[in-house]
Each structure stands twice: as C-alpha cells, then as structure tokens.
PDB file of N, CA and C in Angstrom:
ATOM      1  N   UNK A   1     -27.943  24.810  -1.458  1.00  0.00           N
ATOM      2  CA  UNK A   1     -27.416  25.081  -2.778  1.00  0.00           C
ATOM      3  C   UNK A   1     -27.015  23.761  -3.416  1.00  0.00           C
ATOM      4  N   UNK A   2     -27.490  23.446  -4.599  1.00  0.00           N
ATOM      5  CA  UNK A   2     -27.217  22.185  -5.284  1.00  0.00           C
ATOM      6  C   UNK A   2     -25.844  22.184  -5.925  1.00  0.00           C
ATOM      7  N   UNK A   3     -25.350  21.013  -6.239  1.00  0.00           N
ATOM      8  CA  UNK A   3     -24.043  20.872  -6.879  1.00  0.00           C
ATOM      9  C   UNK A   3     -24.139  21.281  -8.341  1.00  0.00           C
ATOM     10  N   UNK A   4     -23.136  22.026  -8.809  1.00  0.00           N
ATOM     11  CA  UNK A   4     -23.070  22.440 -10.208  1.00  0.00           C
ATOM     12  C   UNK A   4     -22.185  21.456 -10.958  1.00  0.00           C
ATOM     13  N   UNK A   5     -22.488  21.234 -12.190  1.00  0.00           N
ATOM     14  CA  UNK A   5     -21.665  20.355 -13.013  1.00  0.00           C
ATOM     15  C   UNK A   5     -21.171  21.140 -14.215  1.00  0.00           C
ATOM     16  N   UNK A   6     -19.882  21.029 -14.488  1.00  0.00           N
ATOM     17  CA  UNK A   6     -19.291  21.693 -15.651  1.00  0.00           C
ATOM     18  C   UNK A   6     -18.643  20.639 -16.524  1.00  0.00           C
ATOM     19  N   UNK A   7     -18.465  20.972 -17.753  1.00  0.00           N
ATOM     20  CA  UNK A   7     -17.828  20.056 -18.690  1.00  0.00           C
ATOM     21  C   UNK A   7     -16.384  19.811 -18.272  1.00  0.00           C
ATOM     22  N   UNK A   8     -15.930  18.565 -18.423  1.00  0.00           N
ATOM     23  CA  UNK A   8     -14.564  18.207 -18.054  1.00  0.00           C
ATOM     24  C   UNK A   8     -13.541  18.973 -18.874  1.00  0.00           C
ATOM     25  N   UNK A   9     -13.891  19.337 -20.113  1.00  0.00           N
ATOM     26  CA  UNK A   9     -12.917  20.067 -20.935  1.00  0.00           C
ATOM     27  C   UNK A   9     -12.751  21.511 -20.471  1.00  0.00           C
ATOM     28  N   UNK A  10     -13.730  22.018 -19.700  1.00  0.00           N
ATOM     29  CA  UNK A  10     -13.649  23.386 -19.201  1.00  0.00           C
ATOM     30  C   UNK A  10     -12.769  23.514 -17.966  1.00  0.00           C
ATOM     31  N   UNK A  11     -12.657  22.418 -17.183  1.00  0.00           N
ATOM     32  CA  UNK A  11     -11.906  22.485 -15.933  1.00  0.00           C
ATOM     33  C   UNK A  11     -11.114  21.203 -15.724  1.00  0.00           C
ATOM     34  N   UNK A  12      -9.995  21.293 -14.985  1.00  0.00           N
ATOM     35  CA  UNK A  12      -9.264  20.072 -14.637  1.00  0.00           C
ATOM     36  C   UNK A  12     -10.020  19.304 -13.560  1.00  0.00           C
ATOM     37  N   UNK A  13      -9.553  18.070 -13.260  1.00  0.00           N
ATOM     38  CA  UNK A  13     -10.154  17.292 -12.174  1.00  0.00           C
ATOM     39  C   UNK A  13     -10.082  18.119 -10.896  1.00  0.00           C
ATOM     40  N   UNK A  14     -11.191  18.275 -10.218  1.00  0.00           N
ATOM     41  CA  UNK A  14     -11.168  19.091  -9.011  1.00  0.00           C
ATOM     42  C   UNK A  14     -12.316  18.757  -8.090  1.00  0.00           C
ATOM     43  N   UNK A  15     -12.133  19.073  -6.841  1.00  0.00           N
ATOM     44  CA  UNK A  15     -13.191  18.993  -5.850  1.00  0.00           C
ATOM     45  C   UNK A  15     -13.200  20.353  -5.185  1.00  0.00           C
ATOM     46  N   UNK A  16     -14.234  21.126  -5.433  1.00  0.00           N
ATOM     47  CA  UNK A  16     -14.326  22.460  -4.872  1.00  0.00           C
ATOM     48  C   UNK A  16     -15.588  22.520  -4.030  1.00  0.00           C
ATOM     49  N   UNK A  17     -15.451  22.300  -2.736  1.00  0.00           N
ATOM     50  CA  UNK A  17     -16.610  22.231  -1.864  1.00  0.00           C
ATOM     51  C   UNK A  17     -17.294  23.582  -1.705  1.00  0.00           C
ATOM     52  N   UNK A  18     -16.554  24.665  -1.776  1.00  0.00           N
ATOM     53  CA  UNK A  18     -17.176  25.976  -1.582  1.00  0.00           C
ATOM     54  C   UNK A  18     -18.186  26.279  -2.681  1.00  0.00           C
ATOM     55  N   UNK A  19     -17.932  25.807  -3.896  1.00  0.00           N
ATOM     56  CA  UNK A  19     -18.874  26.020  -4.990  1.00  0.00           C
ATOM     57  C   UNK A  19     -19.768  24.804  -5.220  1.00  0.00           C
ATOM     58  N   UNK A  20     -19.486  23.695  -4.523  1.00  0.00           N
ATOM     59  CA  UNK A  20     -20.280  22.484  -4.706  1.00  0.00           C
ATOM     60  C   UNK A  20     -19.996  21.794  -6.026  1.00  0.00           C
ATOM     61  N   UNK A  21     -18.775  21.942  -6.539  1.00  0.00           N
ATOM     62  CA  UNK A  21     -18.414  21.351  -7.830  1.00  0.00           C
ATOM     63  C   UNK A  21     -17.574  20.106  -7.589  1.00  0.00           C
ATOM     64  N   UNK A  22     -17.937  19.023  -8.226  1.00  0.00           N
ATOM     65  CA  UNK A  22     -17.155  17.795  -8.137  1.00  0.00           C
ATOM     66  C   UNK A  22     -17.056  17.203  -9.532  1.00  0.00           C
ATOM     67  N   UNK A  23     -15.849  17.160 -10.066  1.00  0.00           N
ATOM     68  CA  UNK A  23     -15.641  16.605 -11.399  1.00  0.00           C
ATOM     69  C   UNK A  23     -14.829  15.326 -11.303  1.00  0.00           C
ATOM     70  N   UNK A  24     -15.207  14.337 -12.064  1.00  0.00           N
ATOM     71  CA  UNK A  24     -14.505  13.062 -12.072  1.00  0.00           C
ATOM     72  C   UNK A  24     -14.170  12.705 -13.519  1.00  0.00           C
ATOM     73  N   UNK A  25     -13.381  13.525 -14.165  1.00  0.00           N
ATOM     74  CA  UNK A  25     -13.029  13.280 -15.558  1.00  0.00           C
ATOM     75  C   UNK A  25     -11.595  12.770 -15.622  1.00  0.00           C
ATOM     76  N   UNK A  26     -11.391  11.528 -15.237  1.00  0.00           N
ATOM     77  CA  UNK A  26     -10.062  10.945 -15.277  1.00  0.00           C
ATOM     78  C   UNK A  26      -9.848  10.267 -16.625  1.00  0.00           C
ATOM     79  N   UNK A  27      -8.666  10.461 -17.172  1.00  0.00           N
ATOM     80  CA  UNK A  27      -8.291   9.800 -18.422  1.00  0.00           C
ATOM     81  C   UNK A  27      -6.901   9.198 -18.237  1.00  0.00           C
ATOM     82  N   UNK A  28      -6.633   8.107 -18.932  1.00  0.00           N
ATOM     83  CA  UNK A  28      -5.320   7.471 -18.837  1.00  0.00           C
ATOM     84  C   UNK A  28      -4.228   8.474 -19.183  1.00  0.00           C
ATOM     85  N   UNK A  29      -3.122   8.435 -18.424  1.00  0.00           N
ATOM     86  CA  UNK A  29      -1.976   9.317 -18.659  1.00  0.00           C
ATOM     87  C   UNK A  29      -0.737   8.462 -18.853  1.00  0.00           C
ATOM     88  N   UNK A  30       0.138   8.909 -19.720  1.00  0.00           N
ATOM     89  CA  UNK A  30       1.424   8.244 -19.889  1.00  0.00           C
ATOM     90  C   UNK A  30       2.448   8.992 -19.053  1.00  0.00           C
ATOM     91  N   UNK A  31       3.111   8.256 -18.149  1.00  0.00           N
ATOM     92  CA  UNK A  31       4.145   8.830 -17.296  1.00  0.00           C
ATOM     93  C   UNK A  31       5.459   8.113 -17.571  1.00  0.00           C
ATOM     94  N   UNK A  32       6.562   8.695 -17.119  1.00  0.00           N
ATOM     95  CA  UNK A  32       7.879   8.084 -17.283  1.00  0.00           C
ATOM     96  C   UNK A  32       8.408   7.700 -15.906  1.00  0.00           C
ATOM     97  N   UNK A  33       8.839   6.453 -15.776  1.00  0.00           N
ATOM     98  CA  UNK A  33       9.350   5.927 -14.511  1.00  0.00           C
ATOM     99  C   UNK A  33      10.685   6.588 -14.164  1.00  0.00           C
ATOM    100  N   UNK A  34      10.797   7.101 -12.933  1.00  0.00           N
ATOM    101  CA  UNK A  34      12.047   7.721 -12.472  1.00  0.00           C
ATOM    102  C   UNK A  34      13.176   6.709 -12.316  1.00  0.00           C
ATOM    103  N   UNK A  35      12.814   5.451 -12.134  1.00  0.00           N
ATOM    104  CA  UNK A  35      13.810   4.415 -11.873  1.00  0.00           C
ATOM    105  C   UNK A  35      14.371   3.810 -13.162  1.00  0.00           C
ATOM    106  N   UNK A  36      13.497   3.301 -14.029  1.00  0.00           N
ATOM    107  CA  UNK A  36      13.968   2.593 -15.234  1.00  0.00           C
ATOM    108  C   UNK A  36      13.864   3.435 -16.507  1.00  0.00           C
ATOM    109  N   UNK A  37      13.153   4.562 -16.446  1.00  0.00           N
ATOM    110  CA  UNK A  37      13.026   5.436 -17.601  1.00  0.00           C
ATOM    111  C   UNK A  37      11.984   5.021 -18.623  1.00  0.00           C
ATOM    112  N   UNK A  38      11.285   3.926 -18.369  1.00  0.00           N
ATOM    113  CA  UNK A  38      10.266   3.457 -19.313  1.00  0.00           C
ATOM    114  C   UNK A  38       8.945   4.176 -19.070  1.00  0.00           C
ATOM    115  N   UNK A  39       8.169   4.283 -20.143  1.00  0.00           N
ATOM    116  CA  UNK A  39       6.835   4.865 -20.021  1.00  0.00           C
ATOM    117  C   UNK A  39       5.886   3.844 -19.416  1.00  0.00           C
ATOM    118  N   UNK A  40       4.922   4.339 -18.620  1.00  0.00           N
ATOM    119  CA  UNK A  40       3.877   3.473 -18.088  1.00  0.00           C
ATOM    120  C   UNK A  40       2.580   4.262 -18.038  1.00  0.00           C
ATOM    121  N   UNK A  41       1.475   3.551 -17.998  1.00  0.00           N
ATOM    122  CA  UNK A  41       0.157   4.178 -17.997  1.00  0.00           C
ATOM    123  C   UNK A  41      -0.332   4.349 -16.562  1.00  0.00           C
ATOM    124  N   UNK A  42      -0.714   5.560 -16.227  1.00  0.00           N
ATOM    125  CA  UNK A  42      -1.396   5.871 -14.968  1.00  0.00           C
ATOM    126  C   UNK A  42      -2.873   5.925 -15.349  1.00  0.00           C
ATOM    127  N   UNK A  43      -3.550   4.796 -15.155  1.00  0.00           N
ATOM    128  CA  UNK A  43      -4.912   4.640 -15.675  1.00  0.00           C
ATOM    129  C   UNK A  43      -5.914   5.548 -14.975  1.00  0.00           C
ATOM    130  N   UNK A  44      -7.036   5.758 -15.625  1.00  0.00           N
ATOM    131  CA  UNK A  44      -8.120   6.559 -15.051  1.00  0.00           C
ATOM    132  C   UNK A  44      -8.568   5.947 -13.728  1.00  0.00           C
ATOM    133  N   UNK A  45      -8.635   4.621 -13.673  1.00  0.00           N
ATOM    134  CA  UNK A  45      -9.028   3.939 -12.440  1.00  0.00           C
ATOM    135  C   UNK A  45      -8.040   4.175 -11.313  1.00  0.00           C
ATOM    136  N   UNK A  46      -6.743   4.133 -11.635  1.00  0.00           N
ATOM    137  CA  UNK A  46      -5.716   4.404 -10.622  1.00  0.00           C
ATOM    138  C   UNK A  46      -5.800   5.851 -10.146  1.00  0.00           C
ATOM    139  N   UNK A  47      -6.057   6.775 -11.074  1.00  0.00           N
ATOM    140  CA  UNK A  47      -6.187   8.179 -10.702  1.00  0.00           C
ATOM    141  C   UNK A  47      -7.365   8.387  -9.758  1.00  0.00           C
ATOM    142  N   UNK A  48      -8.464   7.706 -10.043  1.00  0.00           N
ATOM    143  CA  UNK A  48      -9.641   7.801  -9.182  1.00  0.00           C
ATOM    144  C   UNK A  48      -9.317   7.254  -7.788  1.00  0.00           C
ATOM    145  N   UNK A  49      -8.611   6.129  -7.736  1.00  0.00           N
ATOM    146  CA  UNK A  49      -8.198   5.542  -6.461  1.00  0.00           C
ATOM    147  C   UNK A  49      -7.321   6.529  -5.689  1.00  0.00           C
ATOM    148  N   UNK A  50      -6.338   7.137  -6.359  1.00  0.00           N
ATOM    149  CA  UNK A  50      -5.454   8.105  -5.715  1.00  0.00           C
ATOM    150  C   UNK A  50      -6.266   9.274  -5.155  1.00  0.00           C
ATOM    151  N   UNK A  51      -7.244   9.756  -5.931  1.00  0.00           N
ATOM    152  CA  UNK A  51      -8.075  10.879  -5.492  1.00  0.00           C
ATOM    153  C   UNK A  51      -8.900  10.492  -4.268  1.00  0.00           C
ATOM    154  N   UNK A  52      -9.479   9.294  -4.283  1.00  0.00           N
ATOM    155  CA  UNK A  52     -10.287   8.825  -3.151  1.00  0.00           C
ATOM    156  C   UNK A  52      -9.456   8.703  -1.883  1.00  0.00           C
ATOM    157  N   UNK A  53      -8.191   8.292  -2.022  1.00  0.00           N
ATOM    158  CA  UNK A  53      -7.308   8.129  -0.868  1.00  0.00           C
ATOM    159  C   UNK A  53      -6.674   9.451  -0.433  1.00  0.00           C
ATOM    160  N   UNK A  54      -6.867  10.494  -1.230  1.00  0.00           N
ATOM    161  CA  UNK A  54      -6.305  11.797  -0.883  1.00  0.00           C
ATOM    162  C   UNK A  54      -4.844  11.954  -1.264  1.00  0.00           C
ATOM    163  N   UNK A  55      -4.330  11.072  -2.126  1.00  0.00           N
ATOM    164  CA  UNK A  55      -2.944  11.179  -2.564  1.00  0.00           C
ATOM    165  C   UNK A  55      -2.812  12.402  -3.464  1.00  0.00           C
ATOM    166  N   UNK A  56      -1.808  13.207  -3.222  1.00  0.00           N
ATOM    167  CA  UNK A  56      -1.619  14.444  -3.984  1.00  0.00           C
ATOM    168  C   UNK A  56      -0.689  14.270  -5.179  1.00  0.00           C
ATOM    169  N   UNK A  57       0.213  13.298  -5.116  1.00  0.00           N
ATOM    170  CA  UNK A  57       1.218  13.126  -6.167  1.00  0.00           C
ATOM    171  C   UNK A  57       0.931  11.912  -7.035  1.00  0.00           C
ATOM    172  N   UNK A  58       1.276  12.025  -8.290  1.00  0.00           N
ATOM    173  CA  UNK A  58       1.175  10.896  -9.211  1.00  0.00           C
ATOM    174  C   UNK A  58       2.317   9.928  -8.906  1.00  0.00           C
ATOM    175  N   UNK A  59       2.187   8.657  -9.290  1.00  0.00           N
ATOM    176  CA  UNK A  59       3.295   7.725  -9.064  1.00  0.00           C
ATOM    177  C   UNK A  59       4.509   8.137  -9.894  1.00  0.00           C
ATOM    178  N   UNK A  60       5.697   7.880  -9.352  1.00  0.00           N
ATOM    179  CA  UNK A  60       6.925   8.223 -10.073  1.00  0.00           C
ATOM    180  C   UNK A  60       7.650   6.981 -10.581  1.00  0.00           C
ATOM    181  N   UNK A  61       7.155   5.799 -10.199  1.00  0.00           N
ATOM    182  CA  UNK A  61       7.743   4.539 -10.649  1.00  0.00           C
ATOM    183  C   UNK A  61       6.677   3.670 -11.288  1.00  0.00           C
ATOM    184  N   UNK A  62       7.086   2.865 -12.268  1.00  0.00           N
ATOM    185  CA  UNK A  62       6.169   1.904 -12.883  1.00  0.00           C
ATOM    186  C   UNK A  62       5.901   0.773 -11.885  1.00  0.00           C
ATOM    187  N   UNK A  63       4.910  -0.046 -12.167  1.00  0.00           N
ATOM    188  CA  UNK A  63       4.537  -1.124 -11.243  1.00  0.00           C
ATOM    189  C   UNK A  63       5.704  -2.072 -10.984  1.00  0.00           C
ATOM    190  N   UNK A  64       6.450  -2.423 -12.014  1.00  0.00           N
ATOM    191  CA  UNK A  64       7.589  -3.341 -11.839  1.00  0.00           C
ATOM    192  C   UNK A  64       8.627  -2.759 -10.884  1.00  0.00           C
ATOM    193  N   UNK A  65       8.951  -1.494 -11.056  1.00  0.00           N
ATOM    194  CA  UNK A  65       9.949  -0.858 -10.191  1.00  0.00           C
ATOM    195  C   UNK A  65       9.415  -0.664  -8.771  1.00  0.00           C
ATOM    196  N   UNK A  66       8.119  -0.362  -8.632  1.00  0.00           N
ATOM    197  CA  UNK A  66       7.516  -0.251  -7.288  1.00  0.00           C
ATOM    198  C   UNK A  66       7.592  -1.592  -6.571  1.00  0.00           C
ATOM    199  N   UNK A  67       7.234  -2.673  -7.279  1.00  0.00           N
ATOM    200  CA  UNK A  67       7.276  -4.008  -6.675  1.00  0.00           C
ATOM    201  C   UNK A  67       8.700  -4.393  -6.282  1.00  0.00           C
ATOM    202  N   UNK A  68       9.653  -4.111  -7.150  1.00  0.00           N
ATOM    203  CA  UNK A  68      11.052  -4.436  -6.869  1.00  0.00           C
ATOM    204  C   UNK A  68      11.555  -3.638  -5.665  1.00  0.00           C
ATOM    205  N   UNK A  69      11.180  -2.388  -5.586  1.00  0.00           N
ATOM    206  CA  UNK A  69      11.583  -1.538  -4.456  1.00  0.00           C
ATOM    207  C   UNK A  69      11.010  -2.072  -3.144  1.00  0.00           C
ATOM    208  N   UNK A  70       9.761  -2.527  -3.175  1.00  0.00           N
ATOM    209  CA  UNK A  70       9.144  -3.109  -1.975  1.00  0.00           C
ATOM    210  C   UNK A  70       9.911  -4.347  -1.529  1.00  0.00           C
ATOM    211  N   UNK A  71      10.302  -5.182  -2.497  1.00  0.00           N
ATOM    212  CA  UNK A  71      11.056  -6.397  -2.163  1.00  0.00           C
ATOM    213  C   UNK A  71      12.388  -6.047  -1.514  1.00  0.00           C
ATOM    214  N   UNK A  72      13.094  -5.073  -2.094  1.00  0.00           N
ATOM    215  CA  UNK A  72      14.405  -4.677  -1.569  1.00  0.00           C
ATOM    216  C   UNK A  72      14.299  -4.091  -0.174  1.00  0.00           C
ATOM    217  N   UNK A  73      13.219  -3.357   0.101  1.00  0.00           N
ATOM    218  CA  UNK A  73      13.088  -2.701   1.400  1.00  0.00           C
ATOM    219  C   UNK A  73      12.535  -3.634   2.466  1.00  0.00           C
ATOM    220  N   UNK A  74      12.159  -4.845   2.062  1.00  0.00           N
ATOM    221  CA  UNK A  74      11.620  -5.792   3.026  1.00  0.00           C
ATOM    222  C   UNK A  74      10.140  -5.631   3.255  1.00  0.00           C
ATOM    223  N   UNK A  75       9.510  -4.695   2.560  1.00  0.00           N
ATOM    224  CA  UNK A  75       8.067  -4.521   2.694  1.00  0.00           C
ATOM    225  C   UNK A  75       7.412  -4.998   1.418  1.00  0.00           C
ATOM    226  N   UNK A  76       6.768  -6.131   1.506  1.00  0.00           N
ATOM    227  CA  UNK A  76       6.086  -6.656   0.330  1.00  0.00           C
ATOM    228  C   UNK A  76       4.610  -6.851   0.618  1.00  0.00           C
ATOM    229  N   UNK A  77       4.126  -6.232   1.667  1.00  0.00           N
ATOM    230  CA  UNK A  77       2.718  -6.355   2.002  1.00  0.00           C
ATOM    231  C   UNK A  77       2.357  -7.781   2.361  1.00  0.00           C
ATOM    232  N   UNK A  78       1.115  -8.118   2.267  1.00  0.00           N
ATOM    233  CA  UNK A  78       0.654  -9.456   2.636  1.00  0.00           C
ATOM    234  C   UNK A  78       1.096 -10.510   1.635  1.00  0.00           C
ATOM    235  N   UNK A  79       1.425 -10.095   0.436  1.00  0.00           N
ATOM    236  CA  UNK A  79       1.813 -11.052  -0.599  1.00  0.00           C
ATOM    237  C   UNK A  79       3.200 -11.628  -0.345  1.00  0.00           C
ATOM    238  N   UNK A  80       4.053 -10.857   0.315  1.00  0.00           N
ATOM    239  CA  UNK A  80       5.427 -11.287   0.522  1.00  0.00           C
ATOM    240  C   UNK A  80       5.571 -12.225   1.707  1.00  0.00           C
ATOM    241  N   UNK A  81       6.672 -12.924   1.735  1.00  0.00           N
ATOM    242  CA  UNK A  81       6.964 -13.855   2.812  1.00  0.00           C
ATOM    243  C   UNK A  81       7.654 -13.092   3.935  1.00  0.00           C
ATOM    244  N   UNK A  82       7.115 -13.178   5.157  1.00  0.00           N
ATOM    245  CA  UNK A  82       7.740 -12.524   6.301  1.00  0.00           C
ATOM    246  C   UNK A  82       8.955 -13.318   6.746  1.00  0.00           C
ATOM    247  N   UNK A  83       9.924 -12.603   7.289  1.00  0.00           N
ATOM    248  CA  UNK A  83      11.073 -13.284   7.861  1.00  0.00           C
ATOM    249  C   UNK A  83      10.629 -13.930   9.167  1.00  0.00           C
ATOM    250  N   UNK A  84      10.999 -15.175   9.350  1.00  0.00           N
ATOM    251  CA  UNK A  84      10.636 -15.906  10.563  1.00  0.00           C
ATOM    252  C   UNK A  84      11.892 -16.128  11.405  1.00  0.00           C
ATOM    253  N   UNK A  85      11.714 -16.135  12.724  1.00  0.00           N
ATOM    254  CA  UNK A  85      12.823 -16.314  13.653  1.00  0.00           C
ATOM    255  C   UNK A  85      12.605 -17.586  14.472  1.00  0.00           C
ATOM    256  N   UNK A  86      13.682 -18.331  14.672  1.00  0.00           N
ATOM    257  CA  UNK A  86      13.611 -19.543  15.491  1.00  0.00           C
ATOM    258  C   UNK A  86      13.538 -19.159  16.960  1.00  0.00           C
ATOM    259  N   UNK A  87      12.745 -19.931  17.712  1.00  0.00           N
ATOM    260  CA  UNK A  87      12.604 -19.705  19.146  1.00  0.00           C
ATOM    261  C   UNK A  87      12.213 -21.019  19.807  1.00  0.00           C
ATOM    262  N   UNK A  88      12.231 -21.020  21.132  1.00  0.00           N
ATOM    263  CA  UNK A  88      11.807 -22.182  21.910  1.00  0.00           C
ATOM    264  C   UNK A  88      10.638 -21.737  22.770  1.00  0.00           C
ATOM    265  N   UNK A  89       9.559 -22.503  22.737  1.00  0.00           N
ATOM    266  CA  UNK A  89       8.355 -22.178  23.493  1.00  0.00           C
ATOM    267  C   UNK A  89       8.673 -22.162  24.990  1.00  0.00           C
ATOM    268  N   UNK A  90       8.292 -21.087  25.664  1.00  0.00           N
ATOM    269  CA  UNK A  90       8.551 -20.929  27.092  1.00  0.00           C
ATOM    270  C   UNK A  90       7.707 -21.876  27.936  1.00  0.00           C
ATOM    271  N   UNK A  91       6.625 -22.391  27.375  1.00  0.00           N
ATOM    272  CA  UNK A  91       5.747 -23.269  28.151  1.00  0.00           C
ATOM    273  C   UNK A  91       6.059 -24.749  27.949  1.00  0.00           C
ATOM    274  N   UNK A  92       6.130 -25.201  26.690  1.00  0.00           N
ATOM    275  CA  UNK A  92       6.305 -26.641  26.446  1.00  0.00           C
ATOM    276  C   UNK A  92       7.709 -27.019  25.985  1.00  0.00           C
ATOM    277  N   UNK A  93       8.546 -26.039  25.655  1.00  0.00           N
ATOM    278  CA  UNK A  93       9.916 -26.313  25.240  1.00  0.00           C
ATOM    279  C   UNK A  93      10.080 -26.716  23.784  1.00  0.00           C
ATOM    280  N   UNK A  94       8.998 -26.701  23.006  1.00  0.00           N
ATOM    281  CA  UNK A  94       9.065 -27.078  21.591  1.00  0.00           C
ATOM    282  C   UNK A  94       9.733 -25.986  20.769  1.00  0.00           C
ATOM    283  N   UNK A  95      10.510 -26.389  19.745  1.00  0.00           N
ATOM    284  CA  UNK A  95      11.038 -25.375  18.827  1.00  0.00           C
ATOM    285  C   UNK A  95       9.877 -24.796  18.014  1.00  0.00           C
ATOM    286  N   UNK A  96       9.940 -23.509  17.757  1.00  0.00           N
ATOM    287  CA  UNK A  96       8.883 -22.841  16.995  1.00  0.00           C
ATOM    288  C   UNK A  96       9.493 -21.705  16.198  1.00  0.00           C
ATOM    289  N   UNK A  97       8.697 -21.084  15.363  1.00  0.00           N
ATOM    290  CA  UNK A  97       9.136 -19.900  14.617  1.00  0.00           C
ATOM    291  C   UNK A  97       8.123 -18.793  14.836  1.00  0.00           C
ATOM    292  N   UNK A  98       8.632 -17.580  14.935  1.00  0.00           N
ATOM    293  CA  UNK A  98       7.770 -16.414  15.141  1.00  0.00           C
ATOM    294  C   UNK A  98       8.130 -15.334  14.123  1.00  0.00           C
ATOM    295  N   UNK A  99       7.160 -14.465  13.754  1.00  0.00           N
ATOM    296  CA  UNK A  99       7.411 -13.436  12.736  1.00  0.00           C
ATOM    297  C   UNK A  99       8.037 -12.151  13.293  1.00  0.00           C
ATOM    298  N   UNK A 100       8.647 -12.234  14.467  1.00  0.00           N
ATOM    299  CA  UNK A 100       9.316 -11.070  15.058  1.00  0.00           C
ATOM    300  C   UNK A 100      10.588 -11.554  15.737  1.00  0.00           C
ATOM    301  N   UNK A 101      11.524 -10.640  15.944  1.00  0.00           N
ATOM    302  CA  UNK A 101      12.781 -11.017  16.572  1.00  0.00           C
ATOM    303  C   UNK A 101      12.564 -11.127  18.081  1.00  0.00           C
ATOM    304  N   UNK A 102      12.775 -12.326  18.645  1.00  0.00           N
ATOM    305  CA  UNK A 102      12.580 -12.496  20.092  1.00  0.00           C
ATOM    306  C   UNK A 102      13.553 -11.625  20.886  1.00  0.00           C
ATOM    307  N   UNK A 103      13.069 -11.086  22.006  1.00  0.00           N
ATOM    308  CA  UNK A 103      13.902 -10.265  22.885  1.00  0.00           C
ATOM    309  C   UNK A 103      14.174 -11.033  24.172  1.00  0.00           C
ATOM    310  N   UNK A 104      15.333 -10.802  24.750  1.00  0.00           N
ATOM    311  CA  UNK A 104      15.677 -11.449  26.022  1.00  0.00           C
ATOM    312  C   UNK A 104      14.666 -11.064  27.094  1.00  0.00           C
ATOM    313  N   UNK A 105      14.312 -12.057  27.904  1.00  0.00           N
ATOM    314  CA  UNK A 105      13.402 -11.800  29.014  1.00  0.00           C
ATOM    315  C   UNK A 105      11.927 -11.825  28.643  1.00  0.00           C
ATOM    316  N   UNK A 106      11.611 -11.948  27.368  1.00  0.00           N
ATOM    317  CA  UNK A 106      10.210 -11.996  26.930  1.00  0.00           C
ATOM    318  C   UNK A 106       9.881 -13.421  26.523  1.00  0.00           C
ATOM    319  N   UNK A 107       8.838 -14.024  27.099  1.00  0.00           N
ATOM    320  CA  UNK A 107       8.498 -15.406  26.744  1.00  0.00           C
ATOM    321  C   UNK A 107       7.950 -15.512  25.325  1.00  0.00           C
ATOM    322  N   UNK A 108       8.310 -16.597  24.670  1.00  0.00           N
ATOM    323  CA  UNK A 108       7.811 -16.913  23.330  1.00  0.00           C
ATOM    324  C   UNK A 108       7.019 -18.203  23.447  1.00  0.00           C
ATOM    325  N   UNK A 109       5.874 -18.258  22.775  1.00  0.00           N
ATOM    326  CA  UNK A 109       5.034 -19.445  22.826  1.00  0.00           C
ATOM    327  C   UNK A 109       4.819 -20.001  21.423  1.00  0.00           C
ATOM    328  N   UNK A 110       4.721 -21.337  21.343  1.00  0.00           N
ATOM    329  CA  UNK A 110       4.355 -21.970  20.079  1.00  0.00           C
ATOM    330  C   UNK A 110       2.868 -21.680  19.836  1.00  0.00           C
ATOM    331  N   UNK A 111       2.381 -21.993  18.662  1.00  0.00           N
ATOM    332  CA  UNK A 111       0.976 -21.710  18.324  1.00  0.00           C
ATOM    333  C   UNK A 111       0.007 -22.349  19.304  1.00  0.00           C
ATOM    334  N   UNK A 112       0.250 -23.611  19.652  1.00  0.00           N
ATOM    335  CA  UNK A 112      -0.664 -24.329  20.554  1.00  0.00           C
ATOM    336  C   UNK A 112      -0.718 -23.678  21.930  1.00  0.00           C
ATOM    337  N   UNK A 113       0.442 -23.410  22.504  1.00  0.00           N
ATOM    338  CA  UNK A 113       0.480 -22.803  23.842  1.00  0.00           C
ATOM    339  C   UNK A 113      -0.062 -21.375  23.812  1.00  0.00           C
ATOM    340  N   UNK A 114       0.217 -20.666  22.748  1.00  0.00           N
ATOM    341  CA  UNK A 114      -0.300 -19.306  22.629  1.00  0.00           C
ATOM    342  C   UNK A 114      -1.828 -19.321  22.643  1.00  0.00           C
ATOM    343  N   UNK A 115      -2.425 -20.243  21.882  1.00  0.00           N
ATOM    344  CA  UNK A 115      -3.889 -20.331  21.820  1.00  0.00           C
ATOM    345  C   UNK A 115      -4.479 -20.738  23.171  1.00  0.00           C
ATOM    346  N   UNK A 116      -3.795 -21.629  23.902  1.00  0.00           N
ATOM    347  CA  UNK A 116      -4.281 -22.052  25.223  1.00  0.00           C
ATOM    348  C   UNK A 116      -4.252 -20.897  26.222  1.00  0.00           C
ATOM    349  N   UNK A 117      -3.236 -20.050  26.124  1.00  0.00           N
ATOM    350  CA  UNK A 117      -3.049 -18.958  27.090  1.00  0.00           C
ATOM    351  C   UNK A 117      -3.726 -17.656  26.691  1.00  0.00           C
ATOM    352  N   UNK A 118      -4.357 -17.653  25.576  1.00  0.00           N
ATOM    353  CA  UNK A 118      -4.972 -16.438  25.046  1.00  0.00           C
ATOM    354  C   UNK A 118      -6.004 -15.857  25.909  1.00  0.00           C
TER     355      UNK A 118
END
C-alpha cells in the first residue's frame, strides 16, 4: 500500500504509520518563554528537528534562558569550560589537572604518562 498525501491545511503535523500518511508542514510558531516572559520563535526547522528526535513537547524557554539555565546547572555541553581538578601524577610526580574529582586510592596520571600506559 503506497503512502497517501493530504494537504497540510486539512490535517495537523502527523505521522500515521497505519494509514501510511506522513506530513511535514512545519511553520514558524511564536511561543512565550516561561522564564523571562518574552516571545520567541519556534522555527519550522527547529520543529522538524524536534520531530526527528521524537521530542513530544515544544520548548518552554527562549534560547537565552535555555543557555543561562545550562550555565547555572553546570551543563554547558562541549562549548562550556569543564571544571578541572588539581592532582599529582602517580607515575612521574608532576602536577596535573583532570576533568574529574580524584578519589582516594585511585591513581591519577598526567597526559604523557596516561598515553604511555594506554
């Protein structure tokens, strides 16, 4: 059975596998940020991305508030600076920094020694 296509004005965005219908009629939407109260655009491209990832809910914060929230929570993805911890290499004794909190009884290695022992 082939896929049927219907006009976007007849139906909302949907994926209905039982009928073989797939509509991709995304249009920019204006939403209001729950945090700052300002309006922001949820673009058609962002909506398509959300649909592809299987996200069910629209964003509730604007980009600025989402970014600020990530900074406050310590999660800034790859763009943010990780907290580094001072340590002493268990092999050569050099001071080094690692991106995790060292635990007692666990050896820490500097980059050079880590690569040699890999």
